[in-house]
Amino acid sequence: AELIPEVTTLPLIETKIGIRSLIGDGTVRLGRISNLNGVFYSLSHAGAGYLRAPAIANELADFIINPKARCTLIERFLHR
């Protein structure tokens, strides 16, 4: 909230605590929050997050810099 005060106005839908975070069906979700300029997310990596991190970080960085970038490794998980 100190870095992005707008997040305090977002509705809390669900909270989970655990070492292996999963969202819904467990599918990785990547993208941007449409109503908060400059806020991106990378969610639901579970136990394999540390294995995927380098590839996802590189492609997500490309997407952040250029939203029209062709991100072949993450395209199916990317919510534009």
PDB file of N, CA and C in Angstrom:
ATOM      1  N   ALA A   1       0.815  -1.191   0.000  1.00  0.00           N
ATOM      2  CA  ALA A   1       0.000   0.000   0.000  1.00  0.00           C
ATOM      3  C   ALA A   1       0.864   1.263   0.000  1.00  0.00           C
ATOM      4  N   GLU A   2       2.055   1.178   0.578  1.00  0.00           N
ATOM      5  CA  GLU A   2       2.938   2.353   0.559  1.00  0.00           C
ATOM      6  C   GLU A   2       3.443   2.638  -0.842  1.00  0.00           C
ATOM      7  N   LEU A   3       3.735   1.598  -1.604  1.00  0.00           N
ATOM      8  CA  LEU A   3       4.248   1.777  -2.959  1.00  0.00           C
ATOM      9  C   LEU A   3       3.145   2.069  -3.960  1.00  0.00           C
ATOM     10  N   ILE A   4       2.006   1.405  -3.810  1.00  0.00           N
ATOM     11  CA  ILE A   4       0.888   1.569  -4.744  1.00  0.00           C
ATOM     12  C   ILE A   4      -0.382   1.778  -3.918  1.00  0.00           C
ATOM     13  N   PRO A   5      -0.655   3.000  -3.493  1.00  0.00           N
ATOM     14  CA  PRO A   5      -1.809   3.256  -2.628  1.00  0.00           C
ATOM     15  C   PRO A   5      -3.145   2.805  -3.213  1.00  0.00           C
ATOM     16  N   GLU A   6      -3.265   2.757  -4.551  1.00  0.00           N
ATOM     17  CA  GLU A   6      -4.518   2.369  -5.181  1.00  0.00           C
ATOM     18  C   GLU A   6      -4.960   0.956  -4.823  1.00  0.00           C
ATOM     19  N   VAL A   7      -4.019   0.095  -4.432  1.00  0.00           N
ATOM     20  CA  VAL A   7      -4.406  -1.278  -4.113  1.00  0.00           C
ATOM     21  C   VAL A   7      -5.325  -1.342  -2.906  1.00  0.00           C
ATOM     22  N   THR A   8      -5.304  -0.334  -2.061  1.00  0.00           N
ATOM     23  CA  THR A   8      -6.186  -0.343  -0.895  1.00  0.00           C
ATOM     24  C   THR A   8      -7.650  -0.187  -1.279  1.00  0.00           C
ATOM     25  N   THR A   9      -7.927   0.270  -2.489  1.00  0.00           N
ATOM     26  CA  THR A   9      -9.315   0.435  -2.931  1.00  0.00           C
ATOM     27  C   THR A   9      -9.838  -0.789  -3.684  1.00  0.00           C
ATOM     28  N   LEU A  10      -8.976  -1.755  -3.971  1.00  0.00           N
ATOM     29  CA  LEU A  10      -9.406  -2.955  -4.690  1.00  0.00           C
ATOM     30  C   LEU A  10     -10.175  -3.883  -3.756  1.00  0.00           C
ATOM     31  N   PRO A  11     -11.171  -4.589  -4.280  1.00  0.00           N
ATOM     32  CA  PRO A  11     -11.923  -5.515  -3.427  1.00  0.00           C
ATOM     33  C   PRO A  11     -11.089  -6.750  -3.108  1.00  0.00           C
ATOM     34  N   LEU A  12     -11.198  -7.232  -1.888  1.00  0.00           N
ATOM     35  CA  LEU A  12     -10.538  -8.471  -1.493  1.00  0.00           C
ATOM     36  C   LEU A  12     -11.465  -9.616  -1.866  1.00  0.00           C
ATOM     37  N   ILE A  13     -11.019 -10.446  -2.785  1.00  0.00           N
ATOM     38  CA  ILE A  13     -11.849 -11.544  -3.278  1.00  0.00           C
ATOM     39  C   ILE A  13     -11.576 -12.817  -2.488  1.00  0.00           C
ATOM     40  N   GLU A  14     -10.304 -13.092  -2.252  1.00  0.00           N
ATOM     41  CA  GLU A  14      -9.953 -14.315  -1.546  1.00  0.00           C
ATOM     42  C   GLU A  14      -8.539 -14.187  -1.013  1.00  0.00           C
ATOM     43  N   THR A  15      -8.278 -14.820   0.112  1.00  0.00           N
ATOM     44  CA  THR A  15      -6.942 -14.817   0.695  1.00  0.00           C
ATOM     45  C   THR A  15      -6.548 -16.258   0.987  1.00  0.00           C
ATOM     46  N   LYS A  16      -5.350 -16.617   0.582  1.00  0.00           N
ATOM     47  CA  LYS A  16      -4.813 -17.935   0.887  1.00  0.00           C
ATOM     48  C   LYS A  16      -3.386 -17.755   1.382  1.00  0.00           C
ATOM     49  N   ILE A  17      -2.996 -18.604   2.289  1.00  0.00           N
ATOM     50  CA  ILE A  17      -1.640 -18.555   2.804  1.00  0.00           C
ATOM     51  C   ILE A  17      -1.050 -19.948   2.660  1.00  0.00           C
ATOM     52  N   GLY A  18       0.166 -20.009   2.158  1.00  0.00           N
ATOM     53  CA  GLY A  18       0.817 -21.295   2.019  1.00  0.00           C
ATOM     54  C   GLY A  18       2.105 -21.170   1.248  1.00  0.00           C
ATOM     55  N   ILE A  19       2.862 -22.221   1.248  1.00  0.00           N
ATOM     56  CA  ILE A  19       4.141 -22.220   0.560  1.00  0.00           C
ATOM     57  C   ILE A  19       3.943 -22.360  -0.949  1.00  0.00           C
ATOM     58  N   ARG A  20       2.973 -23.136  -1.363  1.00  0.00           N
ATOM     59  CA  ARG A  20       2.735 -23.384  -2.785  1.00  0.00           C
ATOM     60  C   ARG A  20       1.447 -22.692  -3.223  1.00  0.00           C
ATOM     61  N   SER A  21       1.605 -21.481  -3.662  1.00  0.00           N
ATOM     62  CA  SER A  21       0.424 -20.690  -4.014  1.00  0.00           C
ATOM     63  C   SER A  21      -0.177 -21.149  -5.336  1.00  0.00           C
ATOM     64  N   LEU A  22      -1.476 -21.364  -5.316  1.00  0.00           N
ATOM     65  CA  LEU A  22      -2.226 -21.718  -6.519  1.00  0.00           C
ATOM     66  C   LEU A  22      -3.465 -20.845  -6.577  1.00  0.00           C
ATOM     67  N   ILE A  23      -3.898 -20.529  -7.775  1.00  0.00           N
ATOM     68  CA  ILE A  23      -5.111 -19.750  -7.965  1.00  0.00           C
ATOM     69  C   ILE A  23      -6.079 -20.595  -8.777  1.00  0.00           C
ATOM     70  N   GLY A  24      -7.282 -20.762  -8.263  1.00  0.00           N
ATOM     71  CA  GLY A  24      -8.325 -21.492  -8.995  1.00  0.00           C
ATOM     72  C   GLY A  24      -7.872 -22.862  -9.448  1.00  0.00           C
ATOM     73  N   ASP A  25      -7.764 -23.035 -10.763  1.00  0.00           N
ATOM     74  CA  ASP A  25      -7.402 -24.331 -11.336  1.00  0.00           C
ATOM     75  C   ASP A  25      -5.898 -24.583 -11.354  1.00  0.00           C
ATOM     76  N   GLY A  26      -5.114 -23.651 -10.829  1.00  0.00           N
ATOM     77  CA  GLY A  26      -3.669 -23.832 -10.775  1.00  0.00           C
ATOM     78  C   GLY A  26      -2.921 -23.354 -12.002  1.00  0.00           C
ATOM     79  N   THR A  27      -3.636 -22.791 -12.976  1.00  0.00           N
ATOM     80  CA  THR A  27      -2.997 -22.282 -14.182  1.00  0.00           C
ATOM     81  C   THR A  27      -2.255 -20.985 -13.866  1.00  0.00           C
ATOM     82  N   VAL A  28      -1.040 -20.869 -14.363  1.00  0.00           N
ATOM     83  CA  VAL A  28      -0.258 -19.648 -14.177  1.00  0.00           C
ATOM     84  C   VAL A  28      -1.004 -18.472 -14.797  1.00  0.00           C
ATOM     85  N   ARG A  29      -0.985 -17.345 -14.119  1.00  0.00           N
ATOM     86  CA  ARG A  29      -1.634 -16.136 -14.636  1.00  0.00           C
ATOM     87  C   ARG A  29      -0.633 -14.991 -14.634  1.00  0.00           C
ATOM     88  N   LEU A  30      -0.515 -14.361 -15.782  1.00  0.00           N
ATOM     89  CA  LEU A  30       0.407 -13.248 -15.962  1.00  0.00           C
ATOM     90  C   LEU A  30      -0.332 -12.116 -16.648  1.00  0.00           C
ATOM     91  N   GLY A  31       0.037 -10.887 -16.348  1.00  0.00           N
ATOM     92  CA  GLY A  31      -0.586  -9.777 -17.048  1.00  0.00           C
ATOM     93  C   GLY A  31      -0.492  -8.464 -16.319  1.00  0.00           C
ATOM     94  N   ARG A  32      -1.423  -7.572 -16.653  1.00  0.00           N
ATOM     95  CA  ARG A  32      -1.458  -6.245 -16.051  1.00  0.00           C
ATOM     96  C   ARG A  32      -2.823  -6.010 -15.439  1.00  0.00           C
ATOM     97  N   ILE A  33      -2.857  -5.147 -14.437  1.00  0.00           N
ATOM     98  CA  ILE A  33      -4.122  -4.734 -13.856  1.00  0.00           C
ATOM     99  C   ILE A  33      -4.575  -3.527 -14.652  1.00  0.00           C
ATOM    100  N   SER A  34      -5.689  -3.676 -15.359  1.00  0.00           N
ATOM    101  CA  SER A  34      -6.109  -2.672 -16.339  1.00  0.00           C
ATOM    102  C   SER A  34      -6.401  -1.304 -15.739  1.00  0.00           C
ATOM    103  N   ASN A  35      -6.912  -1.261 -14.528  1.00  0.00           N
ATOM    104  CA  ASN A  35      -7.257   0.038 -13.965  1.00  0.00           C
ATOM    105  C   ASN A  35      -6.184   0.612 -13.035  1.00  0.00           C
ATOM    106  N   LEU A  36      -5.025  -0.034 -12.950  1.00  0.00           N
ATOM    107  CA  LEU A  36      -3.900   0.493 -12.181  1.00  0.00           C
ATOM    108  C   LEU A  36      -2.676   0.563 -13.090  1.00  0.00           C
ATOM    109  N   ASN A  37      -2.403   1.715 -13.607  1.00  0.00           N
ATOM    110  CA  ASN A  37      -1.314   1.902 -14.558  1.00  0.00           C
ATOM    111  C   ASN A  37       0.024   1.453 -13.971  1.00  0.00           C
ATOM    112  N   GLY A  38       0.714   0.602 -14.696  1.00  0.00           N
ATOM    113  CA  GLY A  38       2.048   0.166 -14.293  1.00  0.00           C
ATOM    114  C   GLY A  38       2.088  -0.969 -13.291  1.00  0.00           C
ATOM    115  N   VAL A  39       0.944  -1.605 -12.998  1.00  0.00           N
ATOM    116  CA  VAL A  39       0.921  -2.726 -12.060  1.00  0.00           C
ATOM    117  C   VAL A  39       0.708  -4.017 -12.843  1.00  0.00           C
ATOM    118  N   PHE A  40       1.636  -4.946 -12.702  1.00  0.00           N
ATOM    119  CA  PHE A  40       1.614  -6.224 -13.409  1.00  0.00           C
ATOM    120  C   PHE A  40       1.615  -7.353 -12.385  1.00  0.00           C
ATOM    121  N   TYR A  41       1.208  -8.551 -12.810  1.00  0.00           N
ATOM    122  CA  TYR A  41       1.183  -9.673 -11.885  1.00  0.00           C
ATOM    123  C   TYR A  41       1.727 -10.944 -12.527  1.00  0.00           C
ATOM    124  N   SER A  42       2.224 -11.805 -11.670  1.00  0.00           N
ATOM    125  CA  SER A  42       2.726 -13.117 -12.042  1.00  0.00           C
ATOM    126  C   SER A  42       2.320 -14.048 -10.903  1.00  0.00           C
ATOM    127  N   LEU A  43       1.266 -14.844 -11.119  1.00  0.00           N
ATOM    128  CA  LEU A  43       0.623 -15.581 -10.035  1.00  0.00           C
ATOM    129  C   LEU A  43       0.491 -17.066 -10.324  1.00  0.00           C
ATOM    130  N   SER A  44       0.318 -17.830  -9.265  1.00  0.00           N
ATOM    131  CA  SER A  44      -0.035 -19.246  -9.294  1.00  0.00           C
ATOM    132  C   SER A  44       1.073 -20.147  -9.832  1.00  0.00           C
ATOM    133  N   HIS A  45       2.280 -19.934  -9.382  1.00  0.00           N
ATOM    134  CA  HIS A  45       3.406 -20.754  -9.839  1.00  0.00           C
ATOM    135  C   HIS A  45       3.602 -22.015  -9.011  1.00  0.00           C
ATOM    136  N   ALA A  46       3.027 -22.043  -7.816  1.00  0.00           N
ATOM    137  CA  ALA A  46       3.123 -23.188  -6.913  1.00  0.00           C
ATOM    138  C   ALA A  46       4.579 -23.582  -6.674  1.00  0.00           C
ATOM    139  N   GLY A  47       4.841 -24.860  -6.594  1.00  0.00           N
ATOM    140  CA  GLY A  47       6.179 -25.321  -6.261  1.00  0.00           C
ATOM    141  C   GLY A  47       7.199 -25.206  -7.370  1.00  0.00           C
ATOM    142  N   ALA A  48       6.748 -24.976  -8.602  1.00  0.00           N
ATOM    143  CA  ALA A  48       7.679 -24.910  -9.733  1.00  0.00           C
ATOM    144  C   ALA A  48       8.088 -23.477 -10.072  1.00  0.00           C
ATOM    145  N   GLY A  49       7.672 -22.517  -9.271  1.00  0.00           N
ATOM    146  CA  GLY A  49       7.968 -21.119  -9.564  1.00  0.00           C
ATOM    147  C   GLY A  49       9.442 -20.823  -9.705  1.00  0.00           C
ATOM    148  N   TYR A  50      10.258 -21.418  -8.853  1.00  0.00           N
ATOM    149  CA  TYR A  50      11.691 -21.158  -8.927  1.00  0.00           C
ATOM    150  C   TYR A  50      12.309 -21.725 -10.202  1.00  0.00           C
ATOM    151  N   LEU A  51      11.702 -22.753 -10.790  1.00  0.00           N
ATOM    152  CA  LEU A  51      12.206 -23.315 -12.036  1.00  0.00           C
ATOM    153  C   LEU A  51      11.821 -22.452 -13.235  1.00  0.00           C
ATOM    154  N   ARG A  52      10.623 -21.881 -13.170  1.00  0.00           N
ATOM    155  CA  ARG A  52      10.113 -21.076 -14.283  1.00  0.00           C
ATOM    156  C   ARG A  52      10.562 -19.623 -14.223  1.00  0.00           C
ATOM    157  N   ALA A  53      10.984 -19.174 -13.073  1.00  0.00           N
ATOM    158  CA  ALA A  53      11.235 -17.751 -12.848  1.00  0.00           C
ATOM    159  C   ALA A  53      12.106 -17.077 -13.905  1.00  0.00           C
ATOM    160  N   PRO A  54      13.250 -17.629 -14.298  1.00  0.00           N
ATOM    161  CA  PRO A  54      14.090 -16.927 -15.277  1.00  0.00           C
ATOM    162  C   PRO A  54      13.394 -16.693 -16.619  1.00  0.00           C
ATOM    163  N   ALA A  55      12.740 -17.711 -17.160  1.00  0.00           N
ATOM    164  CA  ALA A  55      12.070 -17.569 -18.463  1.00  0.00           C
ATOM    165  C   ALA A  55      10.875 -16.631 -18.364  1.00  0.00           C
ATOM    166  N   ILE A  56      10.079 -16.799 -17.318  1.00  0.00           N
ATOM    167  CA  ILE A  56       8.903 -15.946 -17.159  1.00  0.00           C
ATOM    168  C   ILE A  56       9.319 -14.507 -16.920  1.00  0.00           C
ATOM    169  N   ALA A  57      10.324 -14.283 -16.106  1.00  0.00           N
ATOM    170  CA  ALA A  57      10.781 -12.916 -15.821  1.00  0.00           C
ATOM    171  C   ALA A  57      11.251 -12.211 -17.087  1.00  0.00           C
ATOM    172  N   ASN A  58      12.003 -12.899 -17.932  1.00  0.00           N
ATOM    173  CA  ASN A  58      12.484 -12.285 -19.180  1.00  0.00           C
ATOM    174  C   ASN A  58      11.333 -11.910 -20.098  1.00  0.00           C
ATOM    175  N   GLU A  59      10.396 -12.817 -20.286  1.00  0.00           N
ATOM    176  CA  GLU A  59       9.282 -12.524 -21.194  1.00  0.00           C
ATOM    177  C   GLU A  59       8.304 -11.521 -20.601  1.00  0.00           C
ATOM    178  N   LEU A  60       8.070 -11.594 -19.301  1.00  0.00           N
ATOM    179  CA  LEU A  60       7.173 -10.628 -18.686  1.00  0.00           C
ATOM    180  C   LEU A  60       7.791  -9.231 -18.737  1.00  0.00           C
ATOM    181  N   ALA A  61       9.105  -9.143 -18.582  1.00  0.00           N
ATOM    182  CA  ALA A  61       9.787  -7.848 -18.718  1.00  0.00           C
ATOM    183  C   ALA A  61       9.614  -7.303 -20.136  1.00  0.00           C
ATOM    184  N   ASP A  62       9.728  -8.158 -21.146  1.00  0.00           N
ATOM    185  CA  ASP A  62       9.492  -7.725 -22.532  1.00  0.00           C
ATOM    186  C   ASP A  62       8.071  -7.200 -22.697  1.00  0.00           C
ATOM    187  N   PHE A  63       7.094  -7.899 -22.104  1.00  0.00           N
ATOM    188  CA  PHE A  63       5.700  -7.482 -22.187  1.00  0.00           C
ATOM    189  C   PHE A  63       5.486  -6.132 -21.495  1.00  0.00           C
ATOM    190  N   ILE A  64       6.130  -5.942 -20.349  1.00  0.00           N
ATOM    191  CA  ILE A  64       5.992  -4.681 -19.612  1.00  0.00           C
ATOM    192  C   ILE A  64       6.557  -3.522 -20.427  1.00  0.00           C
ATOM    193  N   ILE A  65       7.698  -3.751 -21.054  1.00  0.00           N
ATOM    194  CA  ILE A  65       8.329  -2.701 -21.865  1.00  0.00           C
ATOM    195  C   ILE A  65       7.544  -2.443 -23.139  1.00  0.00           C
ATOM    196  N   ASN A  66       7.057  -3.520 -23.774  1.00  0.00           N
ATOM    197  CA  ASN A  66       6.307  -3.398 -25.017  1.00  0.00           C
ATOM    198  C   ASN A  66       5.094  -4.331 -24.965  1.00  0.00           C
ATOM    199  N   PRO A  67       3.907  -3.826 -24.586  1.00  0.00           N
ATOM    200  CA  PRO A  67       2.717  -4.677 -24.444  1.00  0.00           C
ATOM    201  C   PRO A  67       2.329  -5.439 -25.710  1.00  0.00           C
ATOM    202  N   LYS A  68       2.832  -5.042 -26.865  1.00  0.00           N
ATOM    203  CA  LYS A  68       2.526  -5.751 -28.102  1.00  0.00           C
ATOM    204  C   LYS A  68       3.610  -6.774 -28.454  1.00  0.00           C
ATOM    205  N   ALA A  69       4.564  -6.967 -27.557  1.00  0.00           N
ATOM    206  CA  ALA A  69       5.654  -7.908 -27.801  1.00  0.00           C
ATOM    207  C   ALA A  69       5.096  -9.321 -27.967  1.00  0.00           C
ATOM    208  N   ARG A  70       5.769 -10.098 -28.774  1.00  0.00           N
ATOM    209  CA  ARG A  70       5.384 -11.500 -28.966  1.00  0.00           C
ATOM    210  C   ARG A  70       6.107 -12.327 -27.910  1.00  0.00           C
ATOM    211  N   CYS A  71       5.383 -12.771 -26.924  1.00  0.00           N
ATOM    212  CA  CYS A  71       5.950 -13.509 -25.793  1.00  0.00           C
ATOM    213  C   CYS A  71       5.603 -14.984 -25.946  1.00  0.00           C
ATOM    214  N   THR A  72       6.352 -15.695 -26.769  1.00  0.00           N
ATOM    215  CA  THR A  72       5.982 -17.060 -27.156  1.00  0.00           C
ATOM    216  C   THR A  72       5.933 -18.043 -25.990  1.00  0.00           C
ATOM    217  N   LEU A  73       6.809 -17.908 -25.013  1.00  0.00           N
ATOM    218  CA  LEU A  73       6.818 -18.860 -23.899  1.00  0.00           C
ATOM    219  C   LEU A  73       5.649 -18.664 -22.945  1.00  0.00           C
ATOM    220  N   ILE A  74       5.181 -17.429 -22.798  1.00  0.00           N
ATOM    221  CA  ILE A  74       4.146 -17.157 -21.806  1.00  0.00           C
ATOM    222  C   ILE A  74       2.803 -16.758 -22.417  1.00  0.00           C
ATOM    223  N   GLU A  75       2.707 -16.725 -23.736  1.00  0.00           N
ATOM    224  CA  GLU A  75       1.508 -16.208 -24.403  1.00  0.00           C
ATOM    225  C   GLU A  75       0.209 -16.832 -23.907  1.00  0.00           C
ATOM    226  N   ARG A  76       0.184 -18.134 -23.714  1.00  0.00           N
ATOM    227  CA  ARG A  76      -1.070 -18.777 -23.312  1.00  0.00           C
ATOM    228  C   ARG A  76      -1.496 -18.441 -21.890  1.00  0.00           C
ATOM    229  N   PHE A  77      -0.584 -17.920 -21.086  1.00  0.00           N
ATOM    230  CA  PHE A  77      -0.907 -17.549 -19.702  1.00  0.00           C
ATOM    231  C   PHE A  77      -1.116 -16.050 -19.554  1.00  0.00           C
ATOM    232  N   LEU A  78      -0.839 -15.295 -20.596  1.00  0.00           N
ATOM    233  CA  LEU A  78      -0.811 -13.839 -20.530  1.00  0.00           C
ATOM    234  C   LEU A  78      -2.206 -13.239 -20.727  1.00  0.00           C
ATOM    235  N   HIS A  79      -2.616 -12.458 -19.751  1.00  0.00           N
ATOM    236  CA  HIS A  79      -3.894 -11.747 -19.822  1.00  0.00           C
ATOM    237  C   HIS A  79      -3.594 -10.314 -20.190  1.00  0.00           C
ATOM    238  N   ARG A  80      -3.852  -9.962 -21.436  1.00  0.00           N
ATOM    239  CA  ARG A  80      -3.559  -8.608 -21.915  1.00  0.00           C
ATOM    240  C   ARG A  80      -4.695  -7.744 -21.548  1.00  0.00           C
TER     241      ARG A  80
END
